[in-house]
């Protein structure tokens, strides 16, 4: 089946400009995957506990109302300890420059080599609802209230901690 046969009638098309002869259009690895794979358009050697900004060689023509997030690849994280420093990285709809990924090698001993064409991150497209922020004196009450970091416990089910969640 051609890509056009997979398209839904209301499917959005985002223009992708290749900026390098080594660039590849982001692709989904499997039908119905949520994110597209981003490929390295340049090589890099990332020393232990260091980071590198790696270019993908692509620019996106995101329309108003749509943003993109760069996310780590779970396989790179699990096998090599490679993640993205600012995960998720935000690509605003008005940005037309190269999508670059800030990779972090969390391994304390082994360097990580990025080769041209390696899948280095994922690209998730997200709709942006129209939102207005309005200052107020009071907020509505919720079950959580102002309980912050760690307020839901660690490891144990809520029932084991004597809490009940609806």
Protein backbone atom coordinates (compact mmCIF):
# COMPACT_ATOMS: atom_id res chain seq x y z
CA UNK A 1 0.00 0.00 0.00
CA UNK A 2 1.24 3.48 -0.81
CA UNK A 3 1.47 6.15 1.91
CA UNK A 4 -1.48 7.93 0.28
CA UNK A 5 -3.66 4.85 0.78
CA UNK A 6 -2.90 4.98 4.52
CA UNK A 7 -3.90 8.65 4.79
CA UNK A 8 -7.07 9.54 6.60
CA UNK A 9 -9.32 12.15 4.93
CA UNK A 10 -8.50 14.68 7.69
CA UNK A 11 -4.80 13.78 7.93
CA UNK A 12 -2.44 16.73 8.24
CA UNK A 13 0.67 16.91 6.06
CA UNK A 14 3.72 18.66 7.50
CA UNK A 15 6.38 19.82 5.03
CA UNK A 16 9.91 18.54 5.74
CA UNK A 17 12.92 20.24 4.15
CA UNK A 18 16.14 18.24 3.85
CA UNK A 19 19.11 20.50 4.66
CA UNK A 20 21.88 17.96 4.13
CA UNK A 21 22.63 15.20 1.64
CA UNK A 22 22.71 12.87 4.67
CA UNK A 23 19.27 13.90 5.96
CA UNK A 24 16.28 11.57 5.91
CA UNK A 25 12.60 12.38 6.25
CA UNK A 26 11.49 11.20 9.73
CA UNK A 27 9.60 7.89 9.53
CA UNK A 28 7.43 5.72 11.75
CA UNK A 29 9.02 2.33 12.38
CA UNK A 30 5.63 0.59 12.51
CA UNK A 31 2.13 1.47 11.37
CA UNK A 32 0.28 3.38 14.08
CA UNK A 33 3.44 4.32 16.05
CA UNK A 34 2.92 7.57 17.91
CA UNK A 35 6.26 9.12 16.98
CA UNK A 36 8.57 9.37 13.99
CA UNK A 37 12.23 8.31 14.12
CA UNK A 38 14.78 11.10 13.74
CA UNK A 39 18.06 10.19 12.05
CA UNK A 40 21.54 11.67 12.55
CA UNK A 41 22.79 13.65 9.56
CA UNK A 42 26.23 13.98 11.16
CA UNK A 43 28.56 11.78 13.16
CA UNK A 44 29.51 12.44 16.77
CA UNK A 45 31.55 10.85 19.53
CA UNK A 46 30.03 11.42 22.97
CA UNK A 47 32.45 10.84 25.84
CA UNK A 48 31.20 9.33 29.11
CA UNK A 49 28.99 11.76 31.03
CA UNK A 50 29.20 14.30 28.19
CA UNK A 51 26.68 15.67 25.71
CA UNK A 52 26.66 16.57 22.03
CA UNK A 53 24.29 18.48 19.80
CA UNK A 54 23.59 16.30 16.77
CA UNK A 55 21.95 17.61 13.63
CA UNK A 56 19.22 15.71 11.84
CA UNK A 57 19.48 17.76 8.65
CA UNK A 58 15.73 18.38 8.58
CA UNK A 59 13.59 21.47 9.07
CA UNK A 60 9.85 21.30 9.67
CA UNK A 61 7.07 23.48 8.34
CA UNK A 62 4.83 23.12 11.38
CA UNK A 63 1.56 25.01 10.97
CA UNK A 64 0.05 27.16 13.73
CA UNK A 65 -1.64 24.93 16.30
CA UNK A 66 0.91 22.11 15.99
CA UNK A 67 4.20 21.65 17.87
CA UNK A 68 6.76 18.86 17.90
CA UNK A 69 8.63 17.23 20.78
CA UNK A 70 11.94 15.38 20.52
CA UNK A 71 11.94 12.35 22.80
CA UNK A 72 14.62 9.81 23.78
CA UNK A 73 14.71 6.39 22.14
CA UNK A 74 14.17 3.71 24.77
CA UNK A 75 16.58 1.29 23.07
CA UNK A 76 19.45 3.79 23.20
CA UNK A 77 18.67 4.53 26.84
CA UNK A 78 18.48 0.86 27.83
CA UNK A 79 21.49 -0.40 25.86
CA UNK A 80 23.84 2.60 25.99
CA UNK A 81 22.55 5.05 28.61
CA UNK A 82 21.96 7.68 25.92
CA UNK A 83 19.16 10.15 26.50
CA UNK A 84 18.21 13.71 25.59
CA UNK A 85 19.30 16.47 27.97
CA UNK A 86 16.21 18.65 27.54
CA UNK A 87 13.70 15.85 27.02
CA UNK A 88 11.30 16.61 25.68
CA UNK A 89 12.83 19.16 23.35
CA UNK A 90 10.20 21.57 22.06
CA UNK A 91 9.96 22.67 18.42
CA UNK A 92 7.63 25.64 18.12
CA UNK A 93 5.35 26.04 15.10
CA UNK A 94 7.19 29.15 13.87
CA UNK A 95 10.69 27.59 13.94
CA UNK A 96 12.08 26.80 10.49
CA UNK A 97 15.68 25.90 11.34
CA UNK A 98 17.34 22.51 11.61
CA UNK A 99 16.00 20.05 14.17
CA UNK A 100 18.99 19.31 16.39
CA UNK A 101 19.04 16.89 19.32
CA UNK A 102 21.07 17.33 22.52
CA UNK A 103 22.18 13.79 23.31
CA UNK A 104 23.61 12.88 26.72
CA UNK A 105 25.78 9.83 27.35
CA UNK A 106 24.99 8.84 30.94
CA UNK A 107 27.43 5.91 30.90
CA UNK A 108 30.33 6.68 33.25
CA UNK A 109 32.86 4.52 31.36
CA UNK A 110 31.97 3.97 27.69
CA UNK A 111 31.89 6.59 24.96
CA UNK A 112 28.97 6.47 22.51
CA UNK A 113 29.42 6.85 18.77
CA UNK A 114 26.70 8.35 16.60
CA UNK A 115 26.99 7.42 12.93
CA UNK A 116 25.27 9.20 10.07
CA UNK A 117 21.89 7.53 9.55
CA UNK A 118 21.54 6.28 13.16
CA UNK A 119 18.12 6.72 14.74
CA UNK A 120 18.86 9.15 17.58
CA UNK A 121 15.50 10.40 18.82
CA UNK A 122 11.77 10.35 18.25
CA UNK A 123 9.59 13.18 16.98
CA UNK A 124 6.10 13.48 18.44
CA UNK A 125 3.66 15.96 16.89
CA UNK A 126 1.20 17.47 19.34
CA UNK A 127 -1.81 19.76 18.83
CA UNK A 128 -1.79 23.07 20.65
CA UNK A 129 -5.18 24.11 21.98
CA UNK A 130 -6.01 27.81 22.13
CA UNK A 131 -5.32 28.72 25.76
CA UNK A 132 -5.41 31.97 27.70
CA UNK A 133 -3.81 32.29 31.13
CA UNK A 134 -5.73 34.52 33.53
CA UNK A 135 -4.48 35.69 36.92
CA UNK A 136 -6.75 34.84 39.84
CA UNK A 137 -6.66 35.07 43.63
CA UNK A 138 -8.02 31.56 44.24
CA UNK A 139 -7.88 28.16 42.55
CA UNK A 140 -10.50 25.42 42.74
CA UNK A 141 -10.02 22.72 45.39
CA UNK A 142 -8.76 19.25 44.35
CA UNK A 143 -7.98 16.02 46.20
CA UNK A 144 -4.24 16.62 45.71
CA UNK A 145 -4.25 20.29 46.61
CA UNK A 146 -0.72 21.67 46.91
CA UNK A 147 0.99 18.33 47.65
CA UNK A 148 4.09 18.34 45.45
CA UNK A 149 7.09 16.15 44.70
CA UNK A 150 6.75 12.61 46.04
CA UNK A 151 3.28 13.20 47.43
CA UNK A 152 1.88 10.04 45.84
CA UNK A 153 4.42 7.78 47.57
CA UNK A 154 7.13 5.49 46.26
CA UNK A 155 6.60 1.93 45.10
CA UNK A 156 3.66 0.91 47.26
CA UNK A 157 0.12 0.87 45.97
CA UNK A 158 -2.05 3.64 47.45
CA UNK A 159 -4.08 1.07 49.39
CA UNK A 160 -0.92 -0.23 51.08
CA UNK A 161 -0.19 3.31 52.28
CA UNK A 162 -3.65 3.67 53.77
CA UNK A 163 -4.78 5.93 50.95
CA UNK A 164 -7.67 5.42 48.63
CA UNK A 165 -7.85 6.80 45.12
CA UNK A 166 -11.15 7.03 43.27
